[in-house]
N, C-alpha and C. Protein backbone atom coordinates (compact mmCIF):
# COMPACT_ATOMS: atom_id res chain seq x y z
N UNK A 1 0.83 -1.19 0.00
CA UNK A 1 0.00 0.00 0.00
C UNK A 1 0.87 1.26 0.00
N UNK A 2 1.90 1.29 0.85
CA UNK A 2 2.80 2.43 0.92
C UNK A 2 3.56 2.59 -0.40
N UNK A 3 3.99 1.47 -0.96
CA UNK A 3 4.72 1.52 -2.23
C UNK A 3 3.80 2.02 -3.35
N UNK A 4 2.55 1.57 -3.34
CA UNK A 4 1.59 2.02 -4.35
C UNK A 4 1.34 3.52 -4.24
N UNK A 5 1.23 4.05 -3.03
CA UNK A 5 1.03 5.49 -2.82
C UNK A 5 2.24 6.27 -3.31
N UNK A 6 3.45 5.76 -3.03
CA UNK A 6 4.67 6.43 -3.49
C UNK A 6 4.75 6.42 -5.01
N UNK A 7 4.35 5.29 -5.62
CA UNK A 7 4.36 5.21 -7.08
C UNK A 7 3.39 6.21 -7.70
N UNK A 8 2.19 6.35 -7.11
CA UNK A 8 1.22 7.32 -7.62
C UNK A 8 1.75 8.74 -7.49
N UNK A 9 2.37 9.04 -6.33
CA UNK A 9 2.93 10.37 -6.12
C UNK A 9 4.04 10.64 -7.13
N UNK A 10 4.93 9.65 -7.33
CA UNK A 10 6.01 9.80 -8.31
C UNK A 10 5.44 10.04 -9.70
N UNK A 11 4.42 9.27 -10.07
CA UNK A 11 3.79 9.41 -11.38
C UNK A 11 3.19 10.81 -11.54
N UNK A 12 2.49 11.30 -10.53
CA UNK A 12 1.88 12.64 -10.59
C UNK A 12 2.94 13.73 -10.71
N UNK A 13 4.02 13.60 -9.94
CA UNK A 13 5.11 14.58 -10.03
C UNK A 13 5.77 14.53 -11.39
N UNK A 14 5.92 13.33 -11.94
CA UNK A 14 6.52 13.17 -13.25
C UNK A 14 5.66 13.86 -14.32
N UNK A 15 4.35 13.67 -14.23
CA UNK A 15 3.43 14.31 -15.18
C UNK A 15 3.53 15.83 -15.06
N UNK A 16 3.56 16.34 -13.83
CA UNK A 16 3.67 17.79 -13.64
C UNK A 16 4.99 18.34 -14.18
N UNK A 17 6.07 17.54 -14.04
CA UNK A 17 7.37 17.98 -14.52
C UNK A 17 7.42 18.01 -16.05
N UNK A 18 6.73 17.07 -16.69
CA UNK A 18 6.73 17.01 -18.14
C UNK A 18 5.86 18.10 -18.74
N UNK A 19 4.75 18.41 -18.10
CA UNK A 19 3.80 19.39 -18.63
C UNK A 19 3.66 20.60 -17.71
N UNK A 20 4.76 21.34 -17.47
CA UNK A 20 4.62 22.50 -16.59
C UNK A 20 3.85 23.60 -17.30
N UNK A 21 2.90 24.19 -16.61
CA UNK A 21 2.15 25.30 -17.17
C UNK A 21 1.63 26.20 -16.07
N UNK A 22 1.42 27.42 -16.45
CA UNK A 22 0.78 28.38 -15.57
C UNK A 22 -0.59 28.66 -16.15
N UNK A 23 -1.57 28.72 -15.33
CA UNK A 23 -2.91 29.00 -15.82
C UNK A 23 -3.21 30.47 -15.63
N UNK A 24 -3.37 31.17 -16.71
CA UNK A 24 -3.67 32.59 -16.65
C UNK A 24 -5.15 32.85 -16.86
N UNK A 25 -5.92 31.83 -16.82
CA UNK A 25 -7.36 32.00 -17.02
C UNK A 25 -8.03 32.46 -15.74
N UNK A 26 -9.28 32.86 -15.87
CA UNK A 26 -10.05 33.29 -14.71
C UNK A 26 -10.92 32.14 -14.23
N UNK A 27 -10.76 31.82 -12.96
CA UNK A 27 -11.57 30.77 -12.33
C UNK A 27 -12.25 31.30 -11.07
N UNK A 28 -11.86 32.49 -10.64
CA UNK A 28 -12.42 33.13 -9.44
C UNK A 28 -12.71 34.60 -9.75
N UNK A 29 -13.63 35.19 -9.00
CA UNK A 29 -13.85 36.63 -9.10
C UNK A 29 -12.55 37.33 -8.73
N UNK A 30 -12.14 38.30 -9.54
CA UNK A 30 -10.84 38.94 -9.38
C UNK A 30 -10.99 40.45 -9.53
N UNK A 31 -10.35 41.22 -8.65
CA UNK A 31 -10.40 42.67 -8.76
C UNK A 31 -9.00 43.26 -8.68
N UNK A 32 -8.79 44.36 -9.37
CA UNK A 32 -7.60 45.19 -9.26
C UNK A 32 -8.13 46.61 -9.12
N UNK A 33 -7.86 47.22 -7.99
CA UNK A 33 -8.41 48.53 -7.68
C UNK A 33 -9.93 48.42 -7.74
N UNK A 34 -10.58 49.14 -8.63
CA UNK A 34 -12.04 49.05 -8.73
C UNK A 34 -12.49 48.28 -9.97
N UNK A 35 -11.54 47.77 -10.75
CA UNK A 35 -11.87 46.98 -11.94
C UNK A 35 -11.94 45.51 -11.55
N UNK A 36 -12.97 44.80 -12.03
CA UNK A 36 -13.16 43.40 -11.64
C UNK A 36 -13.51 42.51 -12.82
N UNK A 37 -13.08 41.26 -12.74
CA UNK A 37 -13.56 40.19 -13.61
C UNK A 37 -14.40 39.31 -12.70
N UNK A 38 -15.70 39.24 -12.99
CA UNK A 38 -16.64 38.52 -12.12
C UNK A 38 -17.39 37.46 -12.91
N UNK A 39 -17.71 36.38 -12.22
CA UNK A 39 -18.50 35.32 -12.84
C UNK A 39 -19.98 35.69 -12.79
N UNK A 40 -20.64 35.58 -13.93
CA UNK A 40 -22.06 35.91 -14.01
C UNK A 40 -22.90 34.72 -13.56
N UNK A 41 -24.19 34.90 -13.48
CA UNK A 41 -25.09 33.82 -13.07
C UNK A 41 -25.08 32.66 -14.07
N UNK A 42 -24.64 32.92 -15.31
CA UNK A 42 -24.57 31.85 -16.31
C UNK A 42 -23.21 31.16 -16.34
N UNK A 43 -22.28 31.59 -15.46
CA UNK A 43 -20.97 30.98 -15.39
C UNK A 43 -19.90 31.65 -16.23
N UNK A 44 -20.27 32.63 -17.01
CA UNK A 44 -19.34 33.36 -17.87
C UNK A 44 -18.57 34.39 -17.03
N UNK A 45 -17.26 34.51 -17.27
CA UNK A 45 -16.48 35.56 -16.61
C UNK A 45 -16.48 36.79 -17.50
N UNK A 46 -16.84 37.94 -16.91
CA UNK A 46 -16.92 39.20 -17.65
C UNK A 46 -16.18 40.29 -16.87
N UNK A 47 -15.68 41.27 -17.60
CA UNK A 47 -14.95 42.40 -17.02
C UNK A 47 -15.92 43.54 -16.73
N UNK A 48 -15.78 44.12 -15.52
CA UNK A 48 -16.59 45.26 -15.10
C UNK A 48 -15.65 46.38 -14.67
N UNK A 49 -15.47 47.41 -15.51
CA UNK A 49 -14.61 48.53 -15.12
C UNK A 49 -15.24 49.29 -13.96
N UNK A 50 -14.40 49.77 -13.06
CA UNK A 50 -14.92 50.40 -11.86
C UNK A 50 -15.09 51.89 -11.92
N UNK A 51 -14.33 52.56 -12.79
CA UNK A 51 -14.44 54.01 -12.82
C UNK A 51 -14.54 54.50 -14.26
N UNK A 52 -15.16 55.61 -14.42
CA UNK A 52 -15.37 56.20 -15.73
C UNK A 52 -14.05 56.78 -16.24
N UNK A 53 -13.69 56.42 -17.44
CA UNK A 53 -12.54 57.06 -18.08
C UNK A 53 -13.02 57.70 -19.37
N UNK A 54 -12.43 58.82 -19.71
CA UNK A 54 -12.82 59.51 -20.94
C UNK A 54 -11.64 59.70 -21.88
N UNK A 55 -10.44 59.38 -21.42
CA UNK A 55 -9.25 59.49 -22.25
C UNK A 55 -8.45 58.20 -22.14
N UNK A 56 -7.46 58.06 -22.99
CA UNK A 56 -6.57 56.91 -22.93
C UNK A 56 -5.56 57.12 -21.82
N UNK A 57 -5.37 56.10 -21.00
CA UNK A 57 -4.35 56.13 -19.95
C UNK A 57 -3.44 54.94 -20.16
N UNK A 58 -2.13 55.20 -20.28
CA UNK A 58 -1.16 54.13 -20.43
C UNK A 58 -0.01 54.35 -19.46
N UNK A 59 0.38 53.30 -18.77
CA UNK A 59 1.50 53.35 -17.84
C UNK A 59 2.52 52.32 -18.29
N UNK A 60 3.73 52.77 -18.67
CA UNK A 60 4.82 51.91 -19.13
C UNK A 60 4.41 51.09 -20.35
N UNK A 61 5.35 50.63 -21.13
CA UNK A 61 5.13 49.77 -22.31
C UNK A 61 3.97 50.24 -23.17
N UNK A 62 3.85 51.53 -23.36
CA UNK A 62 2.71 52.08 -24.11
C UNK A 62 2.60 51.51 -25.52
N UNK A 63 3.72 51.42 -26.23
CA UNK A 63 3.67 50.97 -27.62
C UNK A 63 3.16 49.55 -27.71
N UNK A 64 3.69 48.65 -26.88
CA UNK A 64 3.29 47.24 -26.92
C UNK A 64 1.81 47.08 -26.61
N UNK A 65 1.36 47.75 -25.58
CA UNK A 65 -0.03 47.59 -25.17
C UNK A 65 -0.99 48.29 -26.13
N UNK A 66 -0.57 49.39 -26.73
CA UNK A 66 -1.43 50.05 -27.71
C UNK A 66 -1.61 49.17 -28.94
N UNK A 67 -0.56 48.47 -29.35
CA UNK A 67 -0.66 47.59 -30.52
C UNK A 67 -1.57 46.41 -30.24
N UNK A 68 -1.47 45.83 -29.05
CA UNK A 68 -2.35 44.70 -28.74
C UNK A 68 -3.79 45.18 -28.57
N UNK A 69 -3.96 46.41 -28.09
CA UNK A 69 -5.32 46.95 -27.96
C UNK A 69 -5.97 47.08 -29.34
N UNK A 70 -5.20 47.51 -30.32
CA UNK A 70 -5.72 47.58 -31.69
C UNK A 70 -6.18 46.19 -32.15
N UNK A 71 -5.39 45.16 -31.86
CA UNK A 71 -5.77 43.79 -32.23
C UNK A 71 -7.04 43.37 -31.49
N UNK A 72 -7.15 43.76 -30.22
CA UNK A 72 -8.32 43.39 -29.41
C UNK A 72 -9.60 43.99 -29.99
N UNK A 73 -9.52 45.19 -30.52
CA UNK A 73 -10.71 45.84 -31.08
C UNK A 73 -11.11 45.24 -32.43
N UNK A 74 -10.26 44.39 -33.00
CA UNK A 74 -10.60 43.73 -34.26
C UNK A 74 -11.15 42.32 -34.06
N UNK A 75 -11.39 41.88 -32.83
CA UNK A 75 -11.90 40.54 -32.59
C UNK A 75 -13.19 40.61 -31.79
N UNK A 76 -13.74 39.46 -31.35
CA UNK A 76 -15.09 39.45 -30.79
C UNK A 76 -15.23 38.88 -29.38
N UNK A 77 -14.16 38.86 -28.59
CA UNK A 77 -14.26 38.39 -27.20
C UNK A 77 -14.01 39.55 -26.25
N UNK A 78 -14.71 39.55 -25.12
CA UNK A 78 -14.52 40.61 -24.13
C UNK A 78 -13.24 40.39 -23.32
N UNK A 79 -12.83 39.14 -23.13
CA UNK A 79 -11.59 38.81 -22.43
C UNK A 79 -10.78 37.93 -23.36
N UNK A 80 -9.57 38.37 -23.73
CA UNK A 80 -8.75 37.61 -24.67
C UNK A 80 -7.27 37.75 -24.34
N UNK A 81 -6.53 36.67 -24.63
CA UNK A 81 -5.08 36.64 -24.46
C UNK A 81 -4.43 36.70 -25.84
N UNK A 82 -3.26 37.39 -25.90
CA UNK A 82 -2.57 37.61 -27.16
C UNK A 82 -1.10 37.27 -27.04
N UNK A 83 -0.51 36.85 -28.17
CA UNK A 83 0.92 36.67 -28.26
C UNK A 83 1.53 38.07 -28.22
N UNK A 84 2.45 38.31 -27.30
CA UNK A 84 3.03 39.63 -27.13
C UNK A 84 4.02 40.02 -28.20
N UNK A 85 4.38 39.08 -29.09
CA UNK A 85 5.32 39.39 -30.15
C UNK A 85 4.60 39.89 -31.40
N UNK A 86 3.56 39.16 -31.83
CA UNK A 86 2.87 39.55 -33.06
C UNK A 86 1.39 39.91 -32.85
N UNK A 87 0.93 39.92 -31.61
CA UNK A 87 -0.43 40.33 -31.23
C UNK A 87 -1.53 39.45 -31.82
N UNK A 88 -1.23 38.19 -32.12
CA UNK A 88 -2.28 37.27 -32.56
C UNK A 88 -3.03 36.77 -31.33
N UNK A 89 -4.33 36.59 -31.50
CA UNK A 89 -5.15 36.12 -30.38
C UNK A 89 -4.83 34.66 -30.11
N UNK A 90 -4.56 34.36 -28.84
CA UNK A 90 -4.26 32.99 -28.43
C UNK A 90 -5.48 32.27 -27.90
N UNK A 91 -6.40 33.02 -27.32
CA UNK A 91 -7.60 32.39 -26.77
C UNK A 91 -8.38 33.36 -25.90
N UNK A 92 -9.46 32.84 -25.37
CA UNK A 92 -10.34 33.64 -24.54
C UNK A 92 -10.10 33.44 -23.06
N UNK A 93 -11.14 33.58 -22.28
CA UNK A 93 -11.07 33.57 -20.82
C UNK A 93 -10.47 32.27 -20.26
N UNK A 94 -10.56 31.15 -20.99
CA UNK A 94 -10.03 29.87 -20.52
C UNK A 94 -8.67 29.52 -21.10
N UNK A 95 -7.99 30.45 -21.72
CA UNK A 95 -6.69 30.16 -22.33
C UNK A 95 -5.67 29.79 -21.27
N UNK A 96 -4.91 28.73 -21.52
CA UNK A 96 -3.85 28.29 -20.62
C UNK A 96 -2.51 28.79 -21.15
N UNK A 97 -1.82 29.58 -20.36
CA UNK A 97 -0.54 30.15 -20.78
C UNK A 97 0.58 29.15 -20.49
N UNK A 98 1.41 28.81 -21.49
CA UNK A 98 2.52 27.89 -21.25
C UNK A 98 3.56 28.53 -20.34
N UNK A 99 4.26 27.71 -19.61
CA UNK A 99 5.28 28.20 -18.67
C UNK A 99 6.64 28.26 -19.37
N UNK A 100 6.69 28.89 -20.52
CA UNK A 100 7.95 28.97 -21.26
C UNK A 100 8.44 30.41 -21.38
N UNK A 101 7.98 31.25 -20.50
CA UNK A 101 8.36 32.67 -20.45
C UNK A 101 7.94 33.43 -21.71
N UNK A 102 6.86 32.97 -22.34
CA UNK A 102 6.30 33.68 -23.49
C UNK A 102 5.80 35.05 -23.04
N UNK A 103 5.79 35.98 -23.97
CA UNK A 103 5.22 37.29 -23.69
C UNK A 103 3.73 37.19 -24.01
N UNK A 104 2.91 37.32 -23.00
CA UNK A 104 1.47 37.18 -23.15
C UNK A 104 0.81 38.48 -22.72
N UNK A 105 -0.12 38.95 -23.51
CA UNK A 105 -0.91 40.14 -23.17
C UNK A 105 -2.35 39.72 -22.91
N UNK A 106 -2.99 40.41 -21.99
CA UNK A 106 -4.39 40.17 -21.65
C UNK A 106 -5.16 41.47 -21.87
N UNK A 107 -6.22 41.40 -22.64
CA UNK A 107 -7.10 42.56 -22.83
C UNK A 107 -8.50 42.19 -22.37
N UNK A 108 -9.10 43.08 -21.61
CA UNK A 108 -10.46 42.88 -21.10
C UNK A 108 -11.30 44.10 -21.45
N UNK A 109 -12.49 43.85 -21.94
CA UNK A 109 -13.42 44.93 -22.28
C UNK A 109 -14.72 44.68 -21.55
N UNK A 110 -15.35 45.75 -21.10
CA UNK A 110 -16.60 45.56 -20.40
C UNK A 110 -17.38 46.83 -20.23
N UNK A 111 -18.49 46.65 -19.57
CA UNK A 111 -19.42 47.74 -19.28
C UNK A 111 -19.58 47.81 -17.77
N UNK A 112 -19.69 49.00 -17.24
CA UNK A 112 -19.86 49.14 -15.79
C UNK A 112 -21.08 48.38 -15.32
N UNK A 113 -21.07 47.98 -14.06
CA UNK A 113 -22.19 47.22 -13.50
C UNK A 113 -23.51 47.96 -13.68
N UNK A 114 -23.48 49.28 -13.58
CA UNK A 114 -24.68 50.08 -13.79
C UNK A 114 -24.99 50.31 -15.26
N UNK A 115 -24.08 49.89 -16.14
CA UNK A 115 -24.31 50.01 -17.57
C UNK A 115 -24.03 51.38 -18.15
N UNK A 116 -23.31 52.24 -17.43
CA UNK A 116 -23.12 53.61 -17.87
C UNK A 116 -22.13 53.84 -18.99
N UNK A 117 -21.08 53.03 -19.08
CA UNK A 117 -20.07 53.27 -20.10
C UNK A 117 -19.26 52.00 -20.33
N UNK A 118 -18.47 52.01 -21.40
CA UNK A 118 -17.62 50.87 -21.77
C UNK A 118 -16.16 51.25 -21.60
N UNK A 119 -15.33 50.26 -21.34
CA UNK A 119 -13.91 50.49 -21.16
C UNK A 119 -13.14 49.24 -21.57
N UNK A 120 -11.91 49.43 -22.04
CA UNK A 120 -11.02 48.32 -22.38
C UNK A 120 -9.69 48.54 -21.68
N UNK A 121 -9.15 47.47 -21.10
CA UNK A 121 -7.89 47.49 -20.37
C UNK A 121 -7.00 46.39 -20.93
N UNK A 122 -5.74 46.71 -21.23
CA UNK A 122 -4.76 45.71 -21.67
C UNK A 122 -3.57 45.72 -20.71
N UNK A 123 -3.14 44.52 -20.31
CA UNK A 123 -2.03 44.34 -19.37
C UNK A 123 -1.20 43.15 -19.82
N UNK A 124 -0.09 42.89 -19.13
CA UNK A 124 0.65 41.66 -19.35
C UNK A 124 -0.05 40.53 -18.61
N UNK A 125 -0.18 39.36 -19.22
CA UNK A 125 -0.82 38.21 -18.59
C UNK A 125 0.21 37.32 -17.95
N UNK A 126 0.16 37.20 -16.61
CA UNK A 126 1.15 36.42 -15.88
C UNK A 126 0.59 35.19 -15.18
N UNK A 127 -0.55 35.32 -14.56
CA UNK A 127 -1.03 34.26 -13.68
C UNK A 127 -2.55 34.22 -13.71
N UNK A 128 -3.12 33.14 -13.19
CA UNK A 128 -4.58 33.04 -13.18
C UNK A 128 -5.17 34.00 -12.15
N UNK A 129 -6.36 34.47 -12.44
CA UNK A 129 -7.10 35.33 -11.53
C UNK A 129 -6.35 36.60 -11.15
N UNK A 130 -5.58 37.15 -12.09
CA UNK A 130 -4.80 38.35 -11.82
C UNK A 130 -4.98 39.35 -12.95
N UNK A 131 -5.32 40.58 -12.58
CA UNK A 131 -5.24 41.71 -13.50
C UNK A 131 -3.99 42.48 -13.06
N UNK A 132 -2.91 42.33 -13.79
CA UNK A 132 -1.64 42.97 -13.45
C UNK A 132 -1.80 44.48 -13.43
N UNK A 133 -1.17 45.15 -12.47
CA UNK A 133 -1.38 46.59 -12.31
C UNK A 133 -0.50 47.45 -13.20
N UNK A 134 0.68 47.01 -13.56
CA UNK A 134 1.54 47.84 -14.39
C UNK A 134 2.49 46.93 -15.17
N UNK A 135 2.70 47.16 -16.42
CA UNK A 135 2.16 48.24 -17.22
C UNK A 135 0.71 47.97 -17.61
N UNK A 136 0.02 49.03 -17.97
CA UNK A 136 -1.35 48.86 -18.46
C UNK A 136 -1.69 49.99 -19.42
N UNK A 137 -2.71 49.74 -20.21
CA UNK A 137 -3.24 50.75 -21.11
C UNK A 137 -4.75 50.60 -21.08
N UNK A 138 -5.46 51.70 -20.88
CA UNK A 138 -6.92 51.67 -20.75
C UNK A 138 -7.51 52.77 -21.63
N UNK A 139 -8.62 52.45 -22.27
CA UNK A 139 -9.26 53.41 -23.16
C UNK A 139 -10.77 53.30 -23.01
N UNK A 140 -11.46 54.43 -23.18
CA UNK A 140 -12.93 54.41 -23.18
C UNK A 140 -13.38 53.77 -24.48
N UNK A 141 -14.31 52.84 -24.39
CA UNK A 141 -14.81 52.14 -25.57
C UNK A 141 -14.53 50.65 -25.48
N UNK A 142 -15.20 49.89 -26.31
CA UNK A 142 -15.06 48.44 -26.30
C UNK A 142 -15.49 47.88 -27.65
N UNK A 143 -14.93 46.72 -28.03
CA UNK A 143 -15.35 46.11 -29.29
C UNK A 143 -16.70 45.41 -29.15
N UNK A 144 -17.38 45.18 -30.26
CA UNK A 144 -18.59 44.35 -30.24
C UNK A 144 -18.13 42.92 -29.97
N UNK A 145 -18.83 42.22 -29.08
CA UNK A 145 -18.41 40.87 -28.70
C UNK A 145 -19.52 39.85 -28.92
N UNK A 146 -19.11 38.59 -28.99
CA UNK A 146 -20.07 37.50 -29.19
C UNK A 146 -20.22 36.62 -27.97
N UNK A 147 -19.52 36.95 -26.87
CA UNK A 147 -19.54 36.07 -25.70
C UNK A 147 -20.64 36.40 -24.69
N UNK A 148 -21.44 37.42 -24.96
CA UNK A 148 -22.58 37.72 -24.11
C UNK A 148 -22.30 38.58 -22.89
N UNK A 149 -21.08 39.08 -22.74
CA UNK A 149 -20.78 39.91 -21.57
C UNK A 149 -21.45 41.28 -21.63
N UNK A 150 -21.62 41.82 -22.81
CA UNK A 150 -22.32 43.10 -22.98
C UNK A 150 -22.73 43.20 -24.44
N UNK A 151 -23.59 44.15 -24.71
CA UNK A 151 -24.02 44.41 -26.09
C UNK A 151 -23.81 45.88 -26.39
N UNK A 152 -23.32 46.14 -27.58
CA UNK A 152 -23.20 47.51 -28.06
C UNK A 152 -24.24 47.65 -29.16
N UNK A 153 -25.26 48.46 -28.90
CA UNK A 153 -26.37 48.60 -29.84
C UNK A 153 -25.95 49.31 -31.11
N UNK A 154 -25.13 50.35 -30.97
CA UNK A 154 -24.65 51.08 -32.13
C UNK A 154 -23.25 51.57 -31.83
N UNK A 155 -22.65 52.34 -32.72
CA UNK A 155 -21.26 52.72 -32.55
C UNK A 155 -21.03 53.84 -31.55
N UNK A 156 -22.05 54.50 -31.09
CA UNK A 156 -21.89 55.57 -30.11
C UNK A 156 -22.65 55.22 -28.85
N UNK A 157 -21.99 55.42 -27.70
CA UNK A 157 -22.58 55.07 -26.43
C UNK A 157 -22.65 56.31 -25.55
N UNK A 158 -23.78 56.56 -24.94
CA UNK A 158 -23.93 57.70 -24.04
C UNK A 158 -23.29 57.38 -22.70
N UNK A 159 -22.52 58.33 -22.17
CA UNK A 159 -21.94 58.15 -20.85
C UNK A 159 -22.68 59.04 -19.87
N UNK A 160 -22.18 59.16 -18.63
CA UNK A 160 -22.90 59.80 -17.54
C UNK A 160 -23.53 61.14 -17.90
N UNK A 161 -22.78 62.02 -18.56
CA UNK A 161 -23.31 63.31 -18.96
C UNK A 161 -24.09 63.13 -20.27
N UNK A 162 -25.40 63.37 -20.30
CA UNK A 162 -26.20 63.11 -21.49
C UNK A 162 -25.72 63.86 -22.73
N UNK A 163 -25.02 64.97 -22.56
CA UNK A 163 -24.56 65.70 -23.73
C UNK A 163 -23.23 65.18 -24.24
N UNK A 164 -22.59 64.30 -23.49
CA UNK A 164 -21.29 63.77 -23.90
C UNK A 164 -21.44 62.34 -24.37
N UNK A 165 -20.76 62.02 -25.46
CA UNK A 165 -20.78 60.64 -25.97
C UNK A 165 -19.36 60.23 -26.30
N UNK A 166 -19.15 58.91 -26.40
CA UNK A 166 -17.87 58.42 -26.90
C UNK A 166 -18.14 57.26 -27.83
N UNK A 167 -17.21 57.04 -28.72
CA UNK A 167 -17.35 56.00 -29.73
C UNK A 167 -16.30 54.94 -29.48
N UNK A 168 -16.64 53.66 -29.64
CA UNK A 168 -15.64 52.61 -29.50
C UNK A 168 -14.46 52.84 -30.44
N UNK A 169 -13.27 52.38 -30.02
CA UNK A 169 -12.05 52.60 -30.77
C UNK A 169 -12.15 52.11 -32.21
N UNK A 170 -12.86 51.01 -32.43
CA UNK A 170 -12.94 50.45 -33.78
C UNK A 170 -13.55 51.43 -34.78
N UNK A 171 -14.36 52.36 -34.32
CA UNK A 171 -14.93 53.34 -35.25
C UNK A 171 -14.62 54.77 -34.82
N UNK A 172 -13.69 54.95 -33.92
CA UNK A 172 -13.36 56.27 -33.40
C UNK A 172 -12.06 56.74 -34.05
N UNK A 173 -12.14 57.55 -35.10
CA UNK A 173 -10.95 57.96 -35.82
C UNK A 173 -10.03 58.83 -34.98
N UNK A 174 -10.57 59.65 -34.08
CA UNK A 174 -9.69 60.49 -33.26
C UNK A 174 -8.90 59.65 -32.26
N UNK A 175 -9.51 58.61 -31.70
CA UNK A 175 -8.77 57.73 -30.79
C UNK A 175 -7.71 56.95 -31.56
N UNK A 176 -8.04 56.48 -32.76
CA UNK A 176 -7.07 55.76 -33.58
C UNK A 176 -5.90 56.69 -33.93
N UNK A 177 -6.22 57.95 -34.28
CA UNK A 177 -5.18 58.91 -34.63
C UNK A 177 -4.30 59.18 -33.40
N UNK A 178 -4.90 59.30 -32.21
CA UNK A 178 -4.14 59.54 -30.99
C UNK A 178 -3.18 58.38 -30.74
N UNK A 179 -3.69 57.16 -30.84
CA UNK A 179 -2.84 55.98 -30.62
C UNK A 179 -1.73 55.95 -31.66
N UNK A 180 -2.08 56.19 -32.91
CA UNK A 180 -1.10 56.15 -33.98
C UNK A 180 -0.01 57.21 -33.77
N UNK A 181 -0.42 58.43 -33.43
CA UNK A 181 0.53 59.54 -33.28
C UNK A 181 1.33 59.45 -31.98
N UNK A 182 0.67 59.18 -30.86
CA UNK A 182 1.32 59.24 -29.56
C UNK A 182 1.92 57.93 -29.08
N UNK A 183 1.51 56.82 -29.64
CA UNK A 183 2.03 55.54 -29.17
C UNK A 183 2.79 54.79 -30.26
N UNK A 184 2.20 54.63 -31.42
CA UNK A 184 2.82 53.83 -32.46
C UNK A 184 3.97 54.55 -33.15
N UNK A 185 3.81 55.83 -33.46
CA UNK A 185 4.85 56.57 -34.14
C UNK A 185 6.16 56.60 -33.35
N UNK A 186 6.15 56.94 -32.04
CA UNK A 186 7.40 56.91 -31.28
C UNK A 186 8.02 55.51 -31.25
N UNK A 187 7.19 54.49 -31.18
CA UNK A 187 7.69 53.12 -31.17
C UNK A 187 8.39 52.79 -32.48
N UNK A 188 7.76 53.13 -33.60
CA UNK A 188 8.35 52.86 -34.91
C UNK A 188 9.63 53.66 -35.12
N UNK A 189 9.66 54.91 -34.67
CA UNK A 189 10.89 55.71 -34.75
C UNK A 189 12.01 55.08 -33.93
N UNK A 190 11.66 54.56 -32.76
CA UNK A 190 12.64 53.89 -31.90
C UNK A 190 13.22 52.67 -32.62
N UNK A 191 12.38 51.86 -33.23
CA UNK A 191 12.82 50.68 -33.96
C UNK A 191 13.70 51.09 -35.14
N UNK A 192 13.29 52.13 -35.86
CA UNK A 192 14.06 52.62 -37.00
C UNK A 192 15.46 53.05 -36.56
N UNK A 193 15.56 53.77 -35.45
CA UNK A 193 16.86 54.22 -34.94
C UNK A 193 17.73 53.05 -34.53
N UNK A 194 17.14 52.03 -33.98
CA UNK A 194 17.91 50.83 -33.59
C UNK A 194 18.46 50.14 -34.83
N UNK A 195 17.66 50.07 -35.88
CA UNK A 195 18.08 49.39 -37.10
C UNK A 195 19.19 50.14 -37.83
N UNK A 196 19.27 51.46 -37.65
CA UNK A 196 20.34 52.24 -38.29
C UNK A 196 21.62 51.94 -37.61
């Protein structure tokens, strides 16, 4: 009996050693500051931004996160993981991140619990049930999604002040121009200078 238990333990450790992985998916309600990823009554994990933002805020790694945010606005999931090198989507809320030190980005889009506005946040994806605090990039607006976390009826959404509106990034030319001019252009110039 003791030998059998040791053999099972050895076998389990061997399996874990062969297939090491970190799970960056959401399995529990998770909050960072006032932003949360919460499980709905249907079992779906959705992002709920905690505070109203009206401008783009980026802290560190602005170029990398702005590029992945552009990719996020071209797809249909509210929570998605991306390859940090080429910004291809790797998967949704249940994506398992390999433990090979890959560069993984996580983007979450959602609507406030009260339904007042939409927001998208992109961070580095490190571990399960974690919204990393820095670096990050956050913008008002969200892509249309197919996972049921929220619905965008049209391209313009009214926020708290009835006279003020904002448009999701996918159709917001001024936000795209801001990202292009303030985030992508300096990044491309930096790469160009390195190549010279």
